[in-house]
N, C-alpha and C. Protein backbone atom coordinates (compact mmCIF):
# COMPACT_ATOMS: atom_id res chain seq x y z
N MET A 1 -23.31 5.95 0.14
CA MET A 1 -22.37 6.34 -0.39
C MET A 1 -21.75 7.54 -0.09
N ASN A 2 -21.00 8.22 -0.35
CA ASN A 2 -20.32 9.51 -0.25
C ASN A 2 -21.30 10.71 -0.71
N GLU A 3 -20.97 11.85 -0.19
CA GLU A 3 -21.47 12.95 -0.62
C GLU A 3 -21.13 13.21 -2.17
N ASN A 4 -21.96 14.26 -2.73
CA ASN A 4 -21.04 14.85 -4.31
C ASN A 4 -20.44 15.55 -4.06
N PRO A 5 -19.01 15.57 -4.42
CA PRO A 5 -18.37 16.91 -4.40
C PRO A 5 -18.61 17.80 -5.61
N ASN A 6 -18.76 18.91 -5.26
CA ASN A 6 -18.83 19.91 -6.44
C ASN A 6 -17.27 19.86 -7.24
N LYS A 7 -16.60 19.86 -6.76
CA LYS A 7 -15.13 19.77 -7.27
C LYS A 7 -14.42 19.60 -6.31
N ALA A 8 -13.32 18.94 -6.91
CA ALA A 8 -11.47 18.73 -5.94
C ALA A 8 -11.04 19.84 -6.37
N ASN A 9 -10.64 20.62 -5.39
CA ASN A 9 -9.55 21.82 -5.16
C ASN A 9 -8.62 21.52 -4.69
N ASP A 10 -7.41 22.35 -4.53
CA ASP A 10 -6.24 22.64 -3.69
C ASP A 10 -5.56 21.22 -3.29
N ILE A 11 -5.04 20.25 -4.44
CA ILE A 11 -4.36 19.10 -4.10
C ILE A 11 -2.99 19.90 -3.81
N THR A 12 -2.58 19.09 -2.79
CA THR A 12 -1.37 19.32 -2.27
C THR A 12 -0.43 18.50 -1.58
N GLU A 13 0.77 18.77 -1.57
CA GLU A 13 1.87 17.57 -1.13
C GLU A 13 2.39 17.91 0.01
N ASP A 14 1.93 17.54 1.26
CA ASP A 14 2.82 17.75 2.47
C ASP A 14 4.29 17.31 1.83
N ASP A 15 5.10 17.82 3.44
CA ASP A 15 6.63 17.36 3.58
C ASP A 15 6.72 16.02 3.73
N GLY A 16 5.75 15.44 4.29
CA GLY A 16 5.95 13.48 4.07
C GLY A 16 5.30 13.09 2.94
N SER A 17 5.66 14.13 1.87
CA SER A 17 4.82 13.38 0.37
C SER A 17 3.45 12.55 0.22
N ASP A 18 2.47 12.85 1.31
CA ASP A 18 1.66 12.62 1.37
C ASP A 18 0.40 13.83 0.20
N MET A 19 -0.15 13.05 -0.46
CA MET A 19 -0.95 14.00 -1.59
C MET A 19 -2.40 14.17 -0.74
N ARG A 20 -2.73 15.36 -0.79
CA ARG A 20 -4.19 15.94 -0.16
C ARG A 20 -5.06 16.50 -0.99
N VAL A 21 -6.20 16.26 -0.73
CA VAL A 21 -7.23 16.94 -1.67
C VAL A 21 -8.16 17.92 -0.56
N THR A 22 -8.59 19.06 -0.98
CA THR A 22 -10.15 19.60 -0.28
C THR A 22 -11.37 19.49 -1.35
N LEU A 23 -12.12 18.61 -0.66
CA LEU A 23 -13.38 18.40 -1.59
C LEU A 23 -14.49 19.66 -0.77
N SER A 24 -15.11 19.76 -2.14
CA SER A 24 -16.00 21.01 -1.81
C SER A 24 -17.23 20.21 -1.81
N LEU A 25 -18.16 19.96 -0.84
CA LEU A 25 -19.25 19.17 -0.67
C LEU A 25 -20.59 20.45 -1.03
N ASP A 26 -21.53 19.42 -1.30
CA ASP A 26 -22.76 19.97 -2.10
C ASP A 26 -23.52 20.91 -0.90
N ASP A 27 -23.29 20.58 0.60
CA ASP A 27 -23.81 21.03 1.87
C ASP A 27 -23.12 22.39 1.82
N GLY A 28 -22.03 22.83 1.10
CA GLY A 28 -21.18 24.03 1.19
C GLY A 28 -19.91 23.86 1.94
N SER A 29 -19.79 22.73 2.49
CA SER A 29 -18.60 22.76 3.54
C SER A 29 -17.73 21.67 2.76
N ASP A 30 -16.39 22.23 3.37
CA ASP A 30 -15.11 21.44 2.73
C ASP A 30 -14.68 20.42 3.64
N VAL A 31 -14.06 19.48 2.93
CA VAL A 31 -13.39 18.46 3.96
C VAL A 31 -12.21 18.05 3.48
N GLU A 32 -11.23 18.09 4.06
CA GLU A 32 -9.74 17.51 3.42
C GLU A 32 -9.36 16.41 3.30
N CYS A 33 -8.80 15.37 2.46
CA CYS A 33 -8.61 14.34 2.50
C CYS A 33 -7.30 13.90 1.95
N ALA A 34 -6.65 12.91 2.71
CA ALA A 34 -5.69 12.20 2.17
C ALA A 34 -5.89 11.14 0.75
N ILE A 35 -5.25 11.37 -0.28
CA ILE A 35 -5.36 10.49 -1.39
C ILE A 35 -4.66 9.14 -1.03
N LEU A 36 -5.45 8.20 -0.92
CA LEU A 36 -4.89 7.06 -0.64
C LEU A 36 -4.14 5.86 -2.04
N THR A 37 -5.20 6.25 -2.94
CA THR A 37 -4.52 5.63 -4.38
C THR A 37 -5.38 6.34 -5.42
N ILE A 38 -5.10 6.36 -6.78
CA ILE A 38 -5.53 6.06 -8.03
C ILE A 38 -5.57 5.00 -8.68
N PHE A 39 -6.14 4.30 -9.09
CA PHE A 39 -6.66 3.07 -9.79
C PHE A 39 -7.42 3.30 -10.65
N ASP A 40 -7.42 2.19 -11.78
CA ASP A 40 -8.61 1.80 -12.66
C ASP A 40 -8.92 0.74 -12.83
N VAL A 41 -10.60 0.74 -13.09
CA VAL A 41 -11.11 -0.63 -13.46
C VAL A 41 -12.01 -0.65 -14.78
N GLY A 42 -11.44 -1.34 -15.66
CA GLY A 42 -11.64 -1.30 -16.94
C GLY A 42 -11.25 0.13 -17.64
N GLU A 43 -11.95 0.65 -18.15
CA GLU A 43 -11.12 2.12 -18.93
C GLU A 43 -11.45 3.24 -18.34
N GLN A 44 -12.18 3.07 -17.01
CA GLN A 44 -12.23 4.40 -16.15
C GLN A 44 -11.32 4.75 -14.91
N ASN A 45 -10.70 5.96 -14.62
CA ASN A 45 -9.97 6.08 -13.31
C ASN A 45 -10.79 6.19 -11.96
N TYR A 46 -10.31 5.76 -10.90
CA TYR A 46 -10.86 5.79 -9.45
C TYR A 46 -10.26 6.69 -8.62
N ILE A 47 -10.55 7.17 -7.83
CA ILE A 47 -9.47 7.70 -6.29
C ILE A 47 -9.89 7.61 -5.23
N ALA A 48 -9.35 6.89 -4.23
CA ALA A 48 -9.49 6.55 -3.18
C ALA A 48 -9.28 7.57 -2.11
N LEU A 49 -9.91 8.43 -1.36
CA LEU A 49 -9.46 9.46 -0.46
C LEU A 49 -9.83 8.94 1.13
N LEU A 50 -9.15 9.50 1.80
CA LEU A 50 -9.59 9.18 3.16
C LEU A 50 -9.75 10.29 3.92
N PRO A 51 -10.61 10.66 4.48
CA PRO A 51 -11.34 12.29 5.28
C PRO A 51 -10.20 11.85 6.10
N LEU A 52 -9.79 13.40 6.63
CA LEU A 52 -9.23 13.72 7.60
C LEU A 52 -9.82 14.60 8.68
N ASP A 53 -9.18 14.43 9.90
CA ASP A 53 -10.06 15.10 10.99
C ASP A 53 -9.42 16.71 10.88
N GLU A 54 -9.72 17.46 12.04
CA GLU A 54 -9.10 18.70 12.09
C GLU A 54 -7.38 18.56 12.59
N ASN A 55 -6.83 17.34 13.08
CA ASN A 55 -5.78 17.59 13.33
C ASN A 55 -4.90 16.75 12.13
N GLY A 56 -5.56 16.37 11.19
CA GLY A 56 -4.59 16.05 9.85
C GLY A 56 -4.85 14.26 10.18
N GLU A 57 -5.57 13.79 10.82
CA GLU A 57 -5.43 12.16 11.05
C GLU A 57 -6.56 11.54 10.33
N GLY A 58 -6.44 10.46 10.03
CA GLY A 58 -7.72 10.06 9.38
C GLY A 58 -8.82 9.20 10.57
N ASN A 59 -9.91 9.53 9.99
CA ASN A 59 -11.06 9.35 10.77
C ASN A 59 -10.98 7.82 11.58
N GLU A 60 -11.35 7.93 12.70
CA GLU A 60 -11.32 6.49 13.34
C GLU A 60 -12.30 5.15 13.09
N ASP A 61 -13.42 5.64 12.18
CA ASP A 61 -14.44 4.14 11.73
C ASP A 61 -13.82 3.92 10.59
N GLY A 62 -12.61 4.34 9.83
CA GLY A 62 -11.71 3.94 8.69
C GLY A 62 -12.93 4.53 7.36
N GLU A 63 -13.60 5.01 7.25
CA GLU A 63 -14.61 5.45 6.07
C GLU A 63 -13.38 5.98 5.00
N VAL A 64 -13.56 5.74 3.73
CA VAL A 64 -13.21 6.00 2.80
C VAL A 64 -13.81 6.50 1.66
N TYR A 65 -13.58 7.35 1.23
CA TYR A 65 -14.44 7.84 0.04
C TYR A 65 -13.84 7.44 -1.37
N ILE A 66 -14.78 6.95 -2.19
CA ILE A 66 -14.13 6.38 -3.69
C ILE A 66 -15.22 7.19 -4.76
N TYR A 67 -14.21 7.70 -5.85
CA TYR A 67 -14.91 8.51 -7.20
C TYR A 67 -14.45 8.25 -8.23
N ARG A 68 -15.16 8.08 -9.09
CA ARG A 68 -14.80 8.52 -10.44
C ARG A 68 -13.47 9.69 -10.37
N TYR A 69 -12.56 9.26 -11.36
CA TYR A 69 -11.49 10.30 -11.57
C TYR A 69 -11.22 10.70 -12.69
N PHE A 70 -11.17 11.75 -13.13
CA PHE A 70 -11.03 12.66 -14.31
C PHE A 70 -10.00 13.75 -14.30
N GLU A 71 -9.18 14.26 -15.37
CA GLU A 71 -8.31 15.26 -15.57
C GLU A 71 -8.56 15.61 -16.83
N ASP A 72 -8.58 16.92 -16.86
CA ASP A 72 -8.81 17.84 -18.11
C ASP A 72 -7.34 17.77 -18.49
N GLU A 73 -7.46 18.24 -19.96
CA GLU A 73 -6.05 18.40 -20.66
C GLU A 73 -5.26 19.46 -20.03
N GLU A 74 -5.10 20.08 -19.16
CA GLU A 74 -4.53 20.68 -18.51
C GLU A 74 -4.05 20.31 -17.00
N GLY A 75 -4.44 18.84 -16.83
CA GLY A 75 -4.20 18.07 -15.36
C GLY A 75 -4.96 18.23 -14.34
N ASN A 76 -5.76 19.23 -14.57
CA ASN A 76 -6.88 19.38 -13.27
C ASN A 76 -7.98 18.72 -13.18
N PRO A 77 -7.83 18.06 -11.76
CA PRO A 77 -8.61 17.03 -11.58
C PRO A 77 -10.15 17.29 -11.04
N SER A 78 -11.05 16.63 -11.45
CA SER A 78 -12.46 16.28 -11.13
C SER A 78 -12.82 15.13 -10.63
N LEU A 79 -14.04 14.81 -9.67
CA LEU A 79 -14.43 13.99 -9.21
C LEU A 79 -15.84 13.59 -9.52
N GLU A 80 -16.72 12.77 -9.55
CA GLU A 80 -17.71 12.21 -10.13
C GLU A 80 -18.53 10.88 -9.32
N ASN A 81 -19.41 11.30 -8.38
CA ASN A 81 -20.00 10.14 -7.85
C ASN A 81 -20.42 8.52 -8.83
N ILE A 82 -20.04 7.74 -8.11
CA ILE A 82 -20.51 6.37 -8.63
C ILE A 82 -21.93 6.32 -8.33
N GLU A 83 -22.75 6.14 -9.41
CA GLU A 83 -24.22 5.97 -9.07
C GLU A 83 -24.78 4.44 -9.31
N GLU A 84 -23.91 3.91 -9.98
CA GLU A 84 -24.56 2.38 -10.22
C GLU A 84 -24.14 1.50 -9.13
N ASP A 85 -25.07 0.52 -8.55
CA ASP A 85 -24.51 -0.60 -7.43
C ASP A 85 -23.30 -1.36 -7.85
N ASP A 86 -23.77 -1.90 -8.91
CA ASP A 86 -23.08 -2.89 -9.71
C ASP A 86 -21.33 -2.02 -9.89
N GLU A 87 -21.42 -0.83 -10.32
CA GLU A 87 -20.23 -0.18 -10.54
C GLU A 87 -19.54 -0.12 -9.13
N TYR A 88 -20.10 0.38 -8.36
CA TYR A 88 -19.49 0.76 -6.98
C TYR A 88 -18.97 -0.52 -6.43
N GLU A 89 -19.63 -1.77 -6.49
CA GLU A 89 -19.00 -2.93 -6.14
C GLU A 89 -17.68 -3.41 -6.64
N ALA A 90 -18.08 -3.44 -8.05
CA ALA A 90 -16.55 -3.64 -8.52
C ALA A 90 -15.35 -2.74 -8.25
N VAL A 91 -15.58 -1.47 -8.09
CA VAL A 91 -14.57 -0.62 -7.98
C VAL A 91 -14.13 -0.77 -6.52
N ALA A 92 -15.36 -1.28 -5.39
CA ALA A 92 -15.00 -1.45 -4.17
C ALA A 92 -14.26 -2.98 -4.08
N ASP A 93 -14.54 -3.73 -4.49
CA ASP A 93 -13.57 -4.99 -4.88
C ASP A 93 -12.44 -4.73 -4.99
N ARG A 94 -12.17 -4.05 -6.30
CA ARG A 94 -10.74 -3.82 -6.83
C ARG A 94 -10.08 -2.90 -5.83
N PHE A 95 -10.62 -1.83 -4.79
CA PHE A 95 -9.84 -1.45 -3.64
C PHE A 95 -9.51 -2.23 -2.90
N ASP A 96 -10.65 -3.40 -2.52
CA ASP A 96 -9.95 -4.15 -1.15
C ASP A 96 -8.79 -5.08 -1.77
N GLU A 97 -8.86 -5.42 -3.39
CA GLU A 97 -7.78 -6.11 -3.66
C GLU A 97 -6.32 -5.25 -3.54
N LEU A 98 -6.34 -4.39 -4.00
CA LEU A 98 -5.11 -3.34 -3.79
C LEU A 98 -4.45 -3.27 -2.11
N LEU A 99 -5.79 -3.32 -1.25
CA LEU A 99 -5.41 -3.35 0.08
C LEU A 99 -4.73 -4.38 0.41
N ASP A 100 -4.89 -5.82 -0.13
CA ASP A 100 -4.85 -6.77 0.35
C ASP A 100 -3.39 -7.18 -0.50
N GLU A 101 -2.95 -6.52 -1.20
CA GLU A 101 -1.99 -6.78 -2.04
C GLU A 101 -0.57 -5.82 -1.30
N GLU A 102 -1.58 -4.62 -0.58
CA GLU A 102 -0.24 -3.71 0.11
C GLU A 102 -0.06 -4.56 1.44
N ALA A 103 -1.04 -5.25 1.95
CA ALA A 103 -0.74 -5.78 3.16
C ALA A 103 0.37 -6.86 2.90
N PHE A 104 0.12 -7.80 1.67
CA PHE A 104 0.96 -9.00 1.80
C PHE A 104 2.29 -8.24 1.45
N ASP A 105 2.26 -7.21 0.59
CA ASP A 105 3.79 -6.80 0.56
C ASP A 105 4.50 -6.42 1.88
N GLU A 106 3.46 -5.61 2.68
CA GLU A 106 4.23 -5.43 3.61
C GLU A 106 4.95 -6.62 4.28
N MET A 107 4.44 -7.83 4.49
CA MET A 107 4.78 -8.92 5.45
C MET A 107 6.26 -9.56 4.78
N ASP A 108 6.29 -9.45 3.37
CA ASP A 108 7.54 -9.68 2.70
C ASP A 108 8.87 -8.90 3.48
């Protein structure tokens, strides 16, 4: 799975309307990610993030980070690791369905 971020900070929107977030990881490093989507499974929201390289491009291996997603009363985001395998599988399956739906829509 993915590393546990301490927090999501610096959500920005670039001039192409892409939303990005900088994750602060437990090892003290930061990684900038493009927000692919925020979606729900049951009553819980999740976020799919694409880690970006130093040029702002997606990684070559197609790695995607998926986390539980929360917002506080003021709209500040926070992320939490998915610890249970069953939960992760259900969320990953839903994300795959969203990708399939998007690919189908692009064919029309």
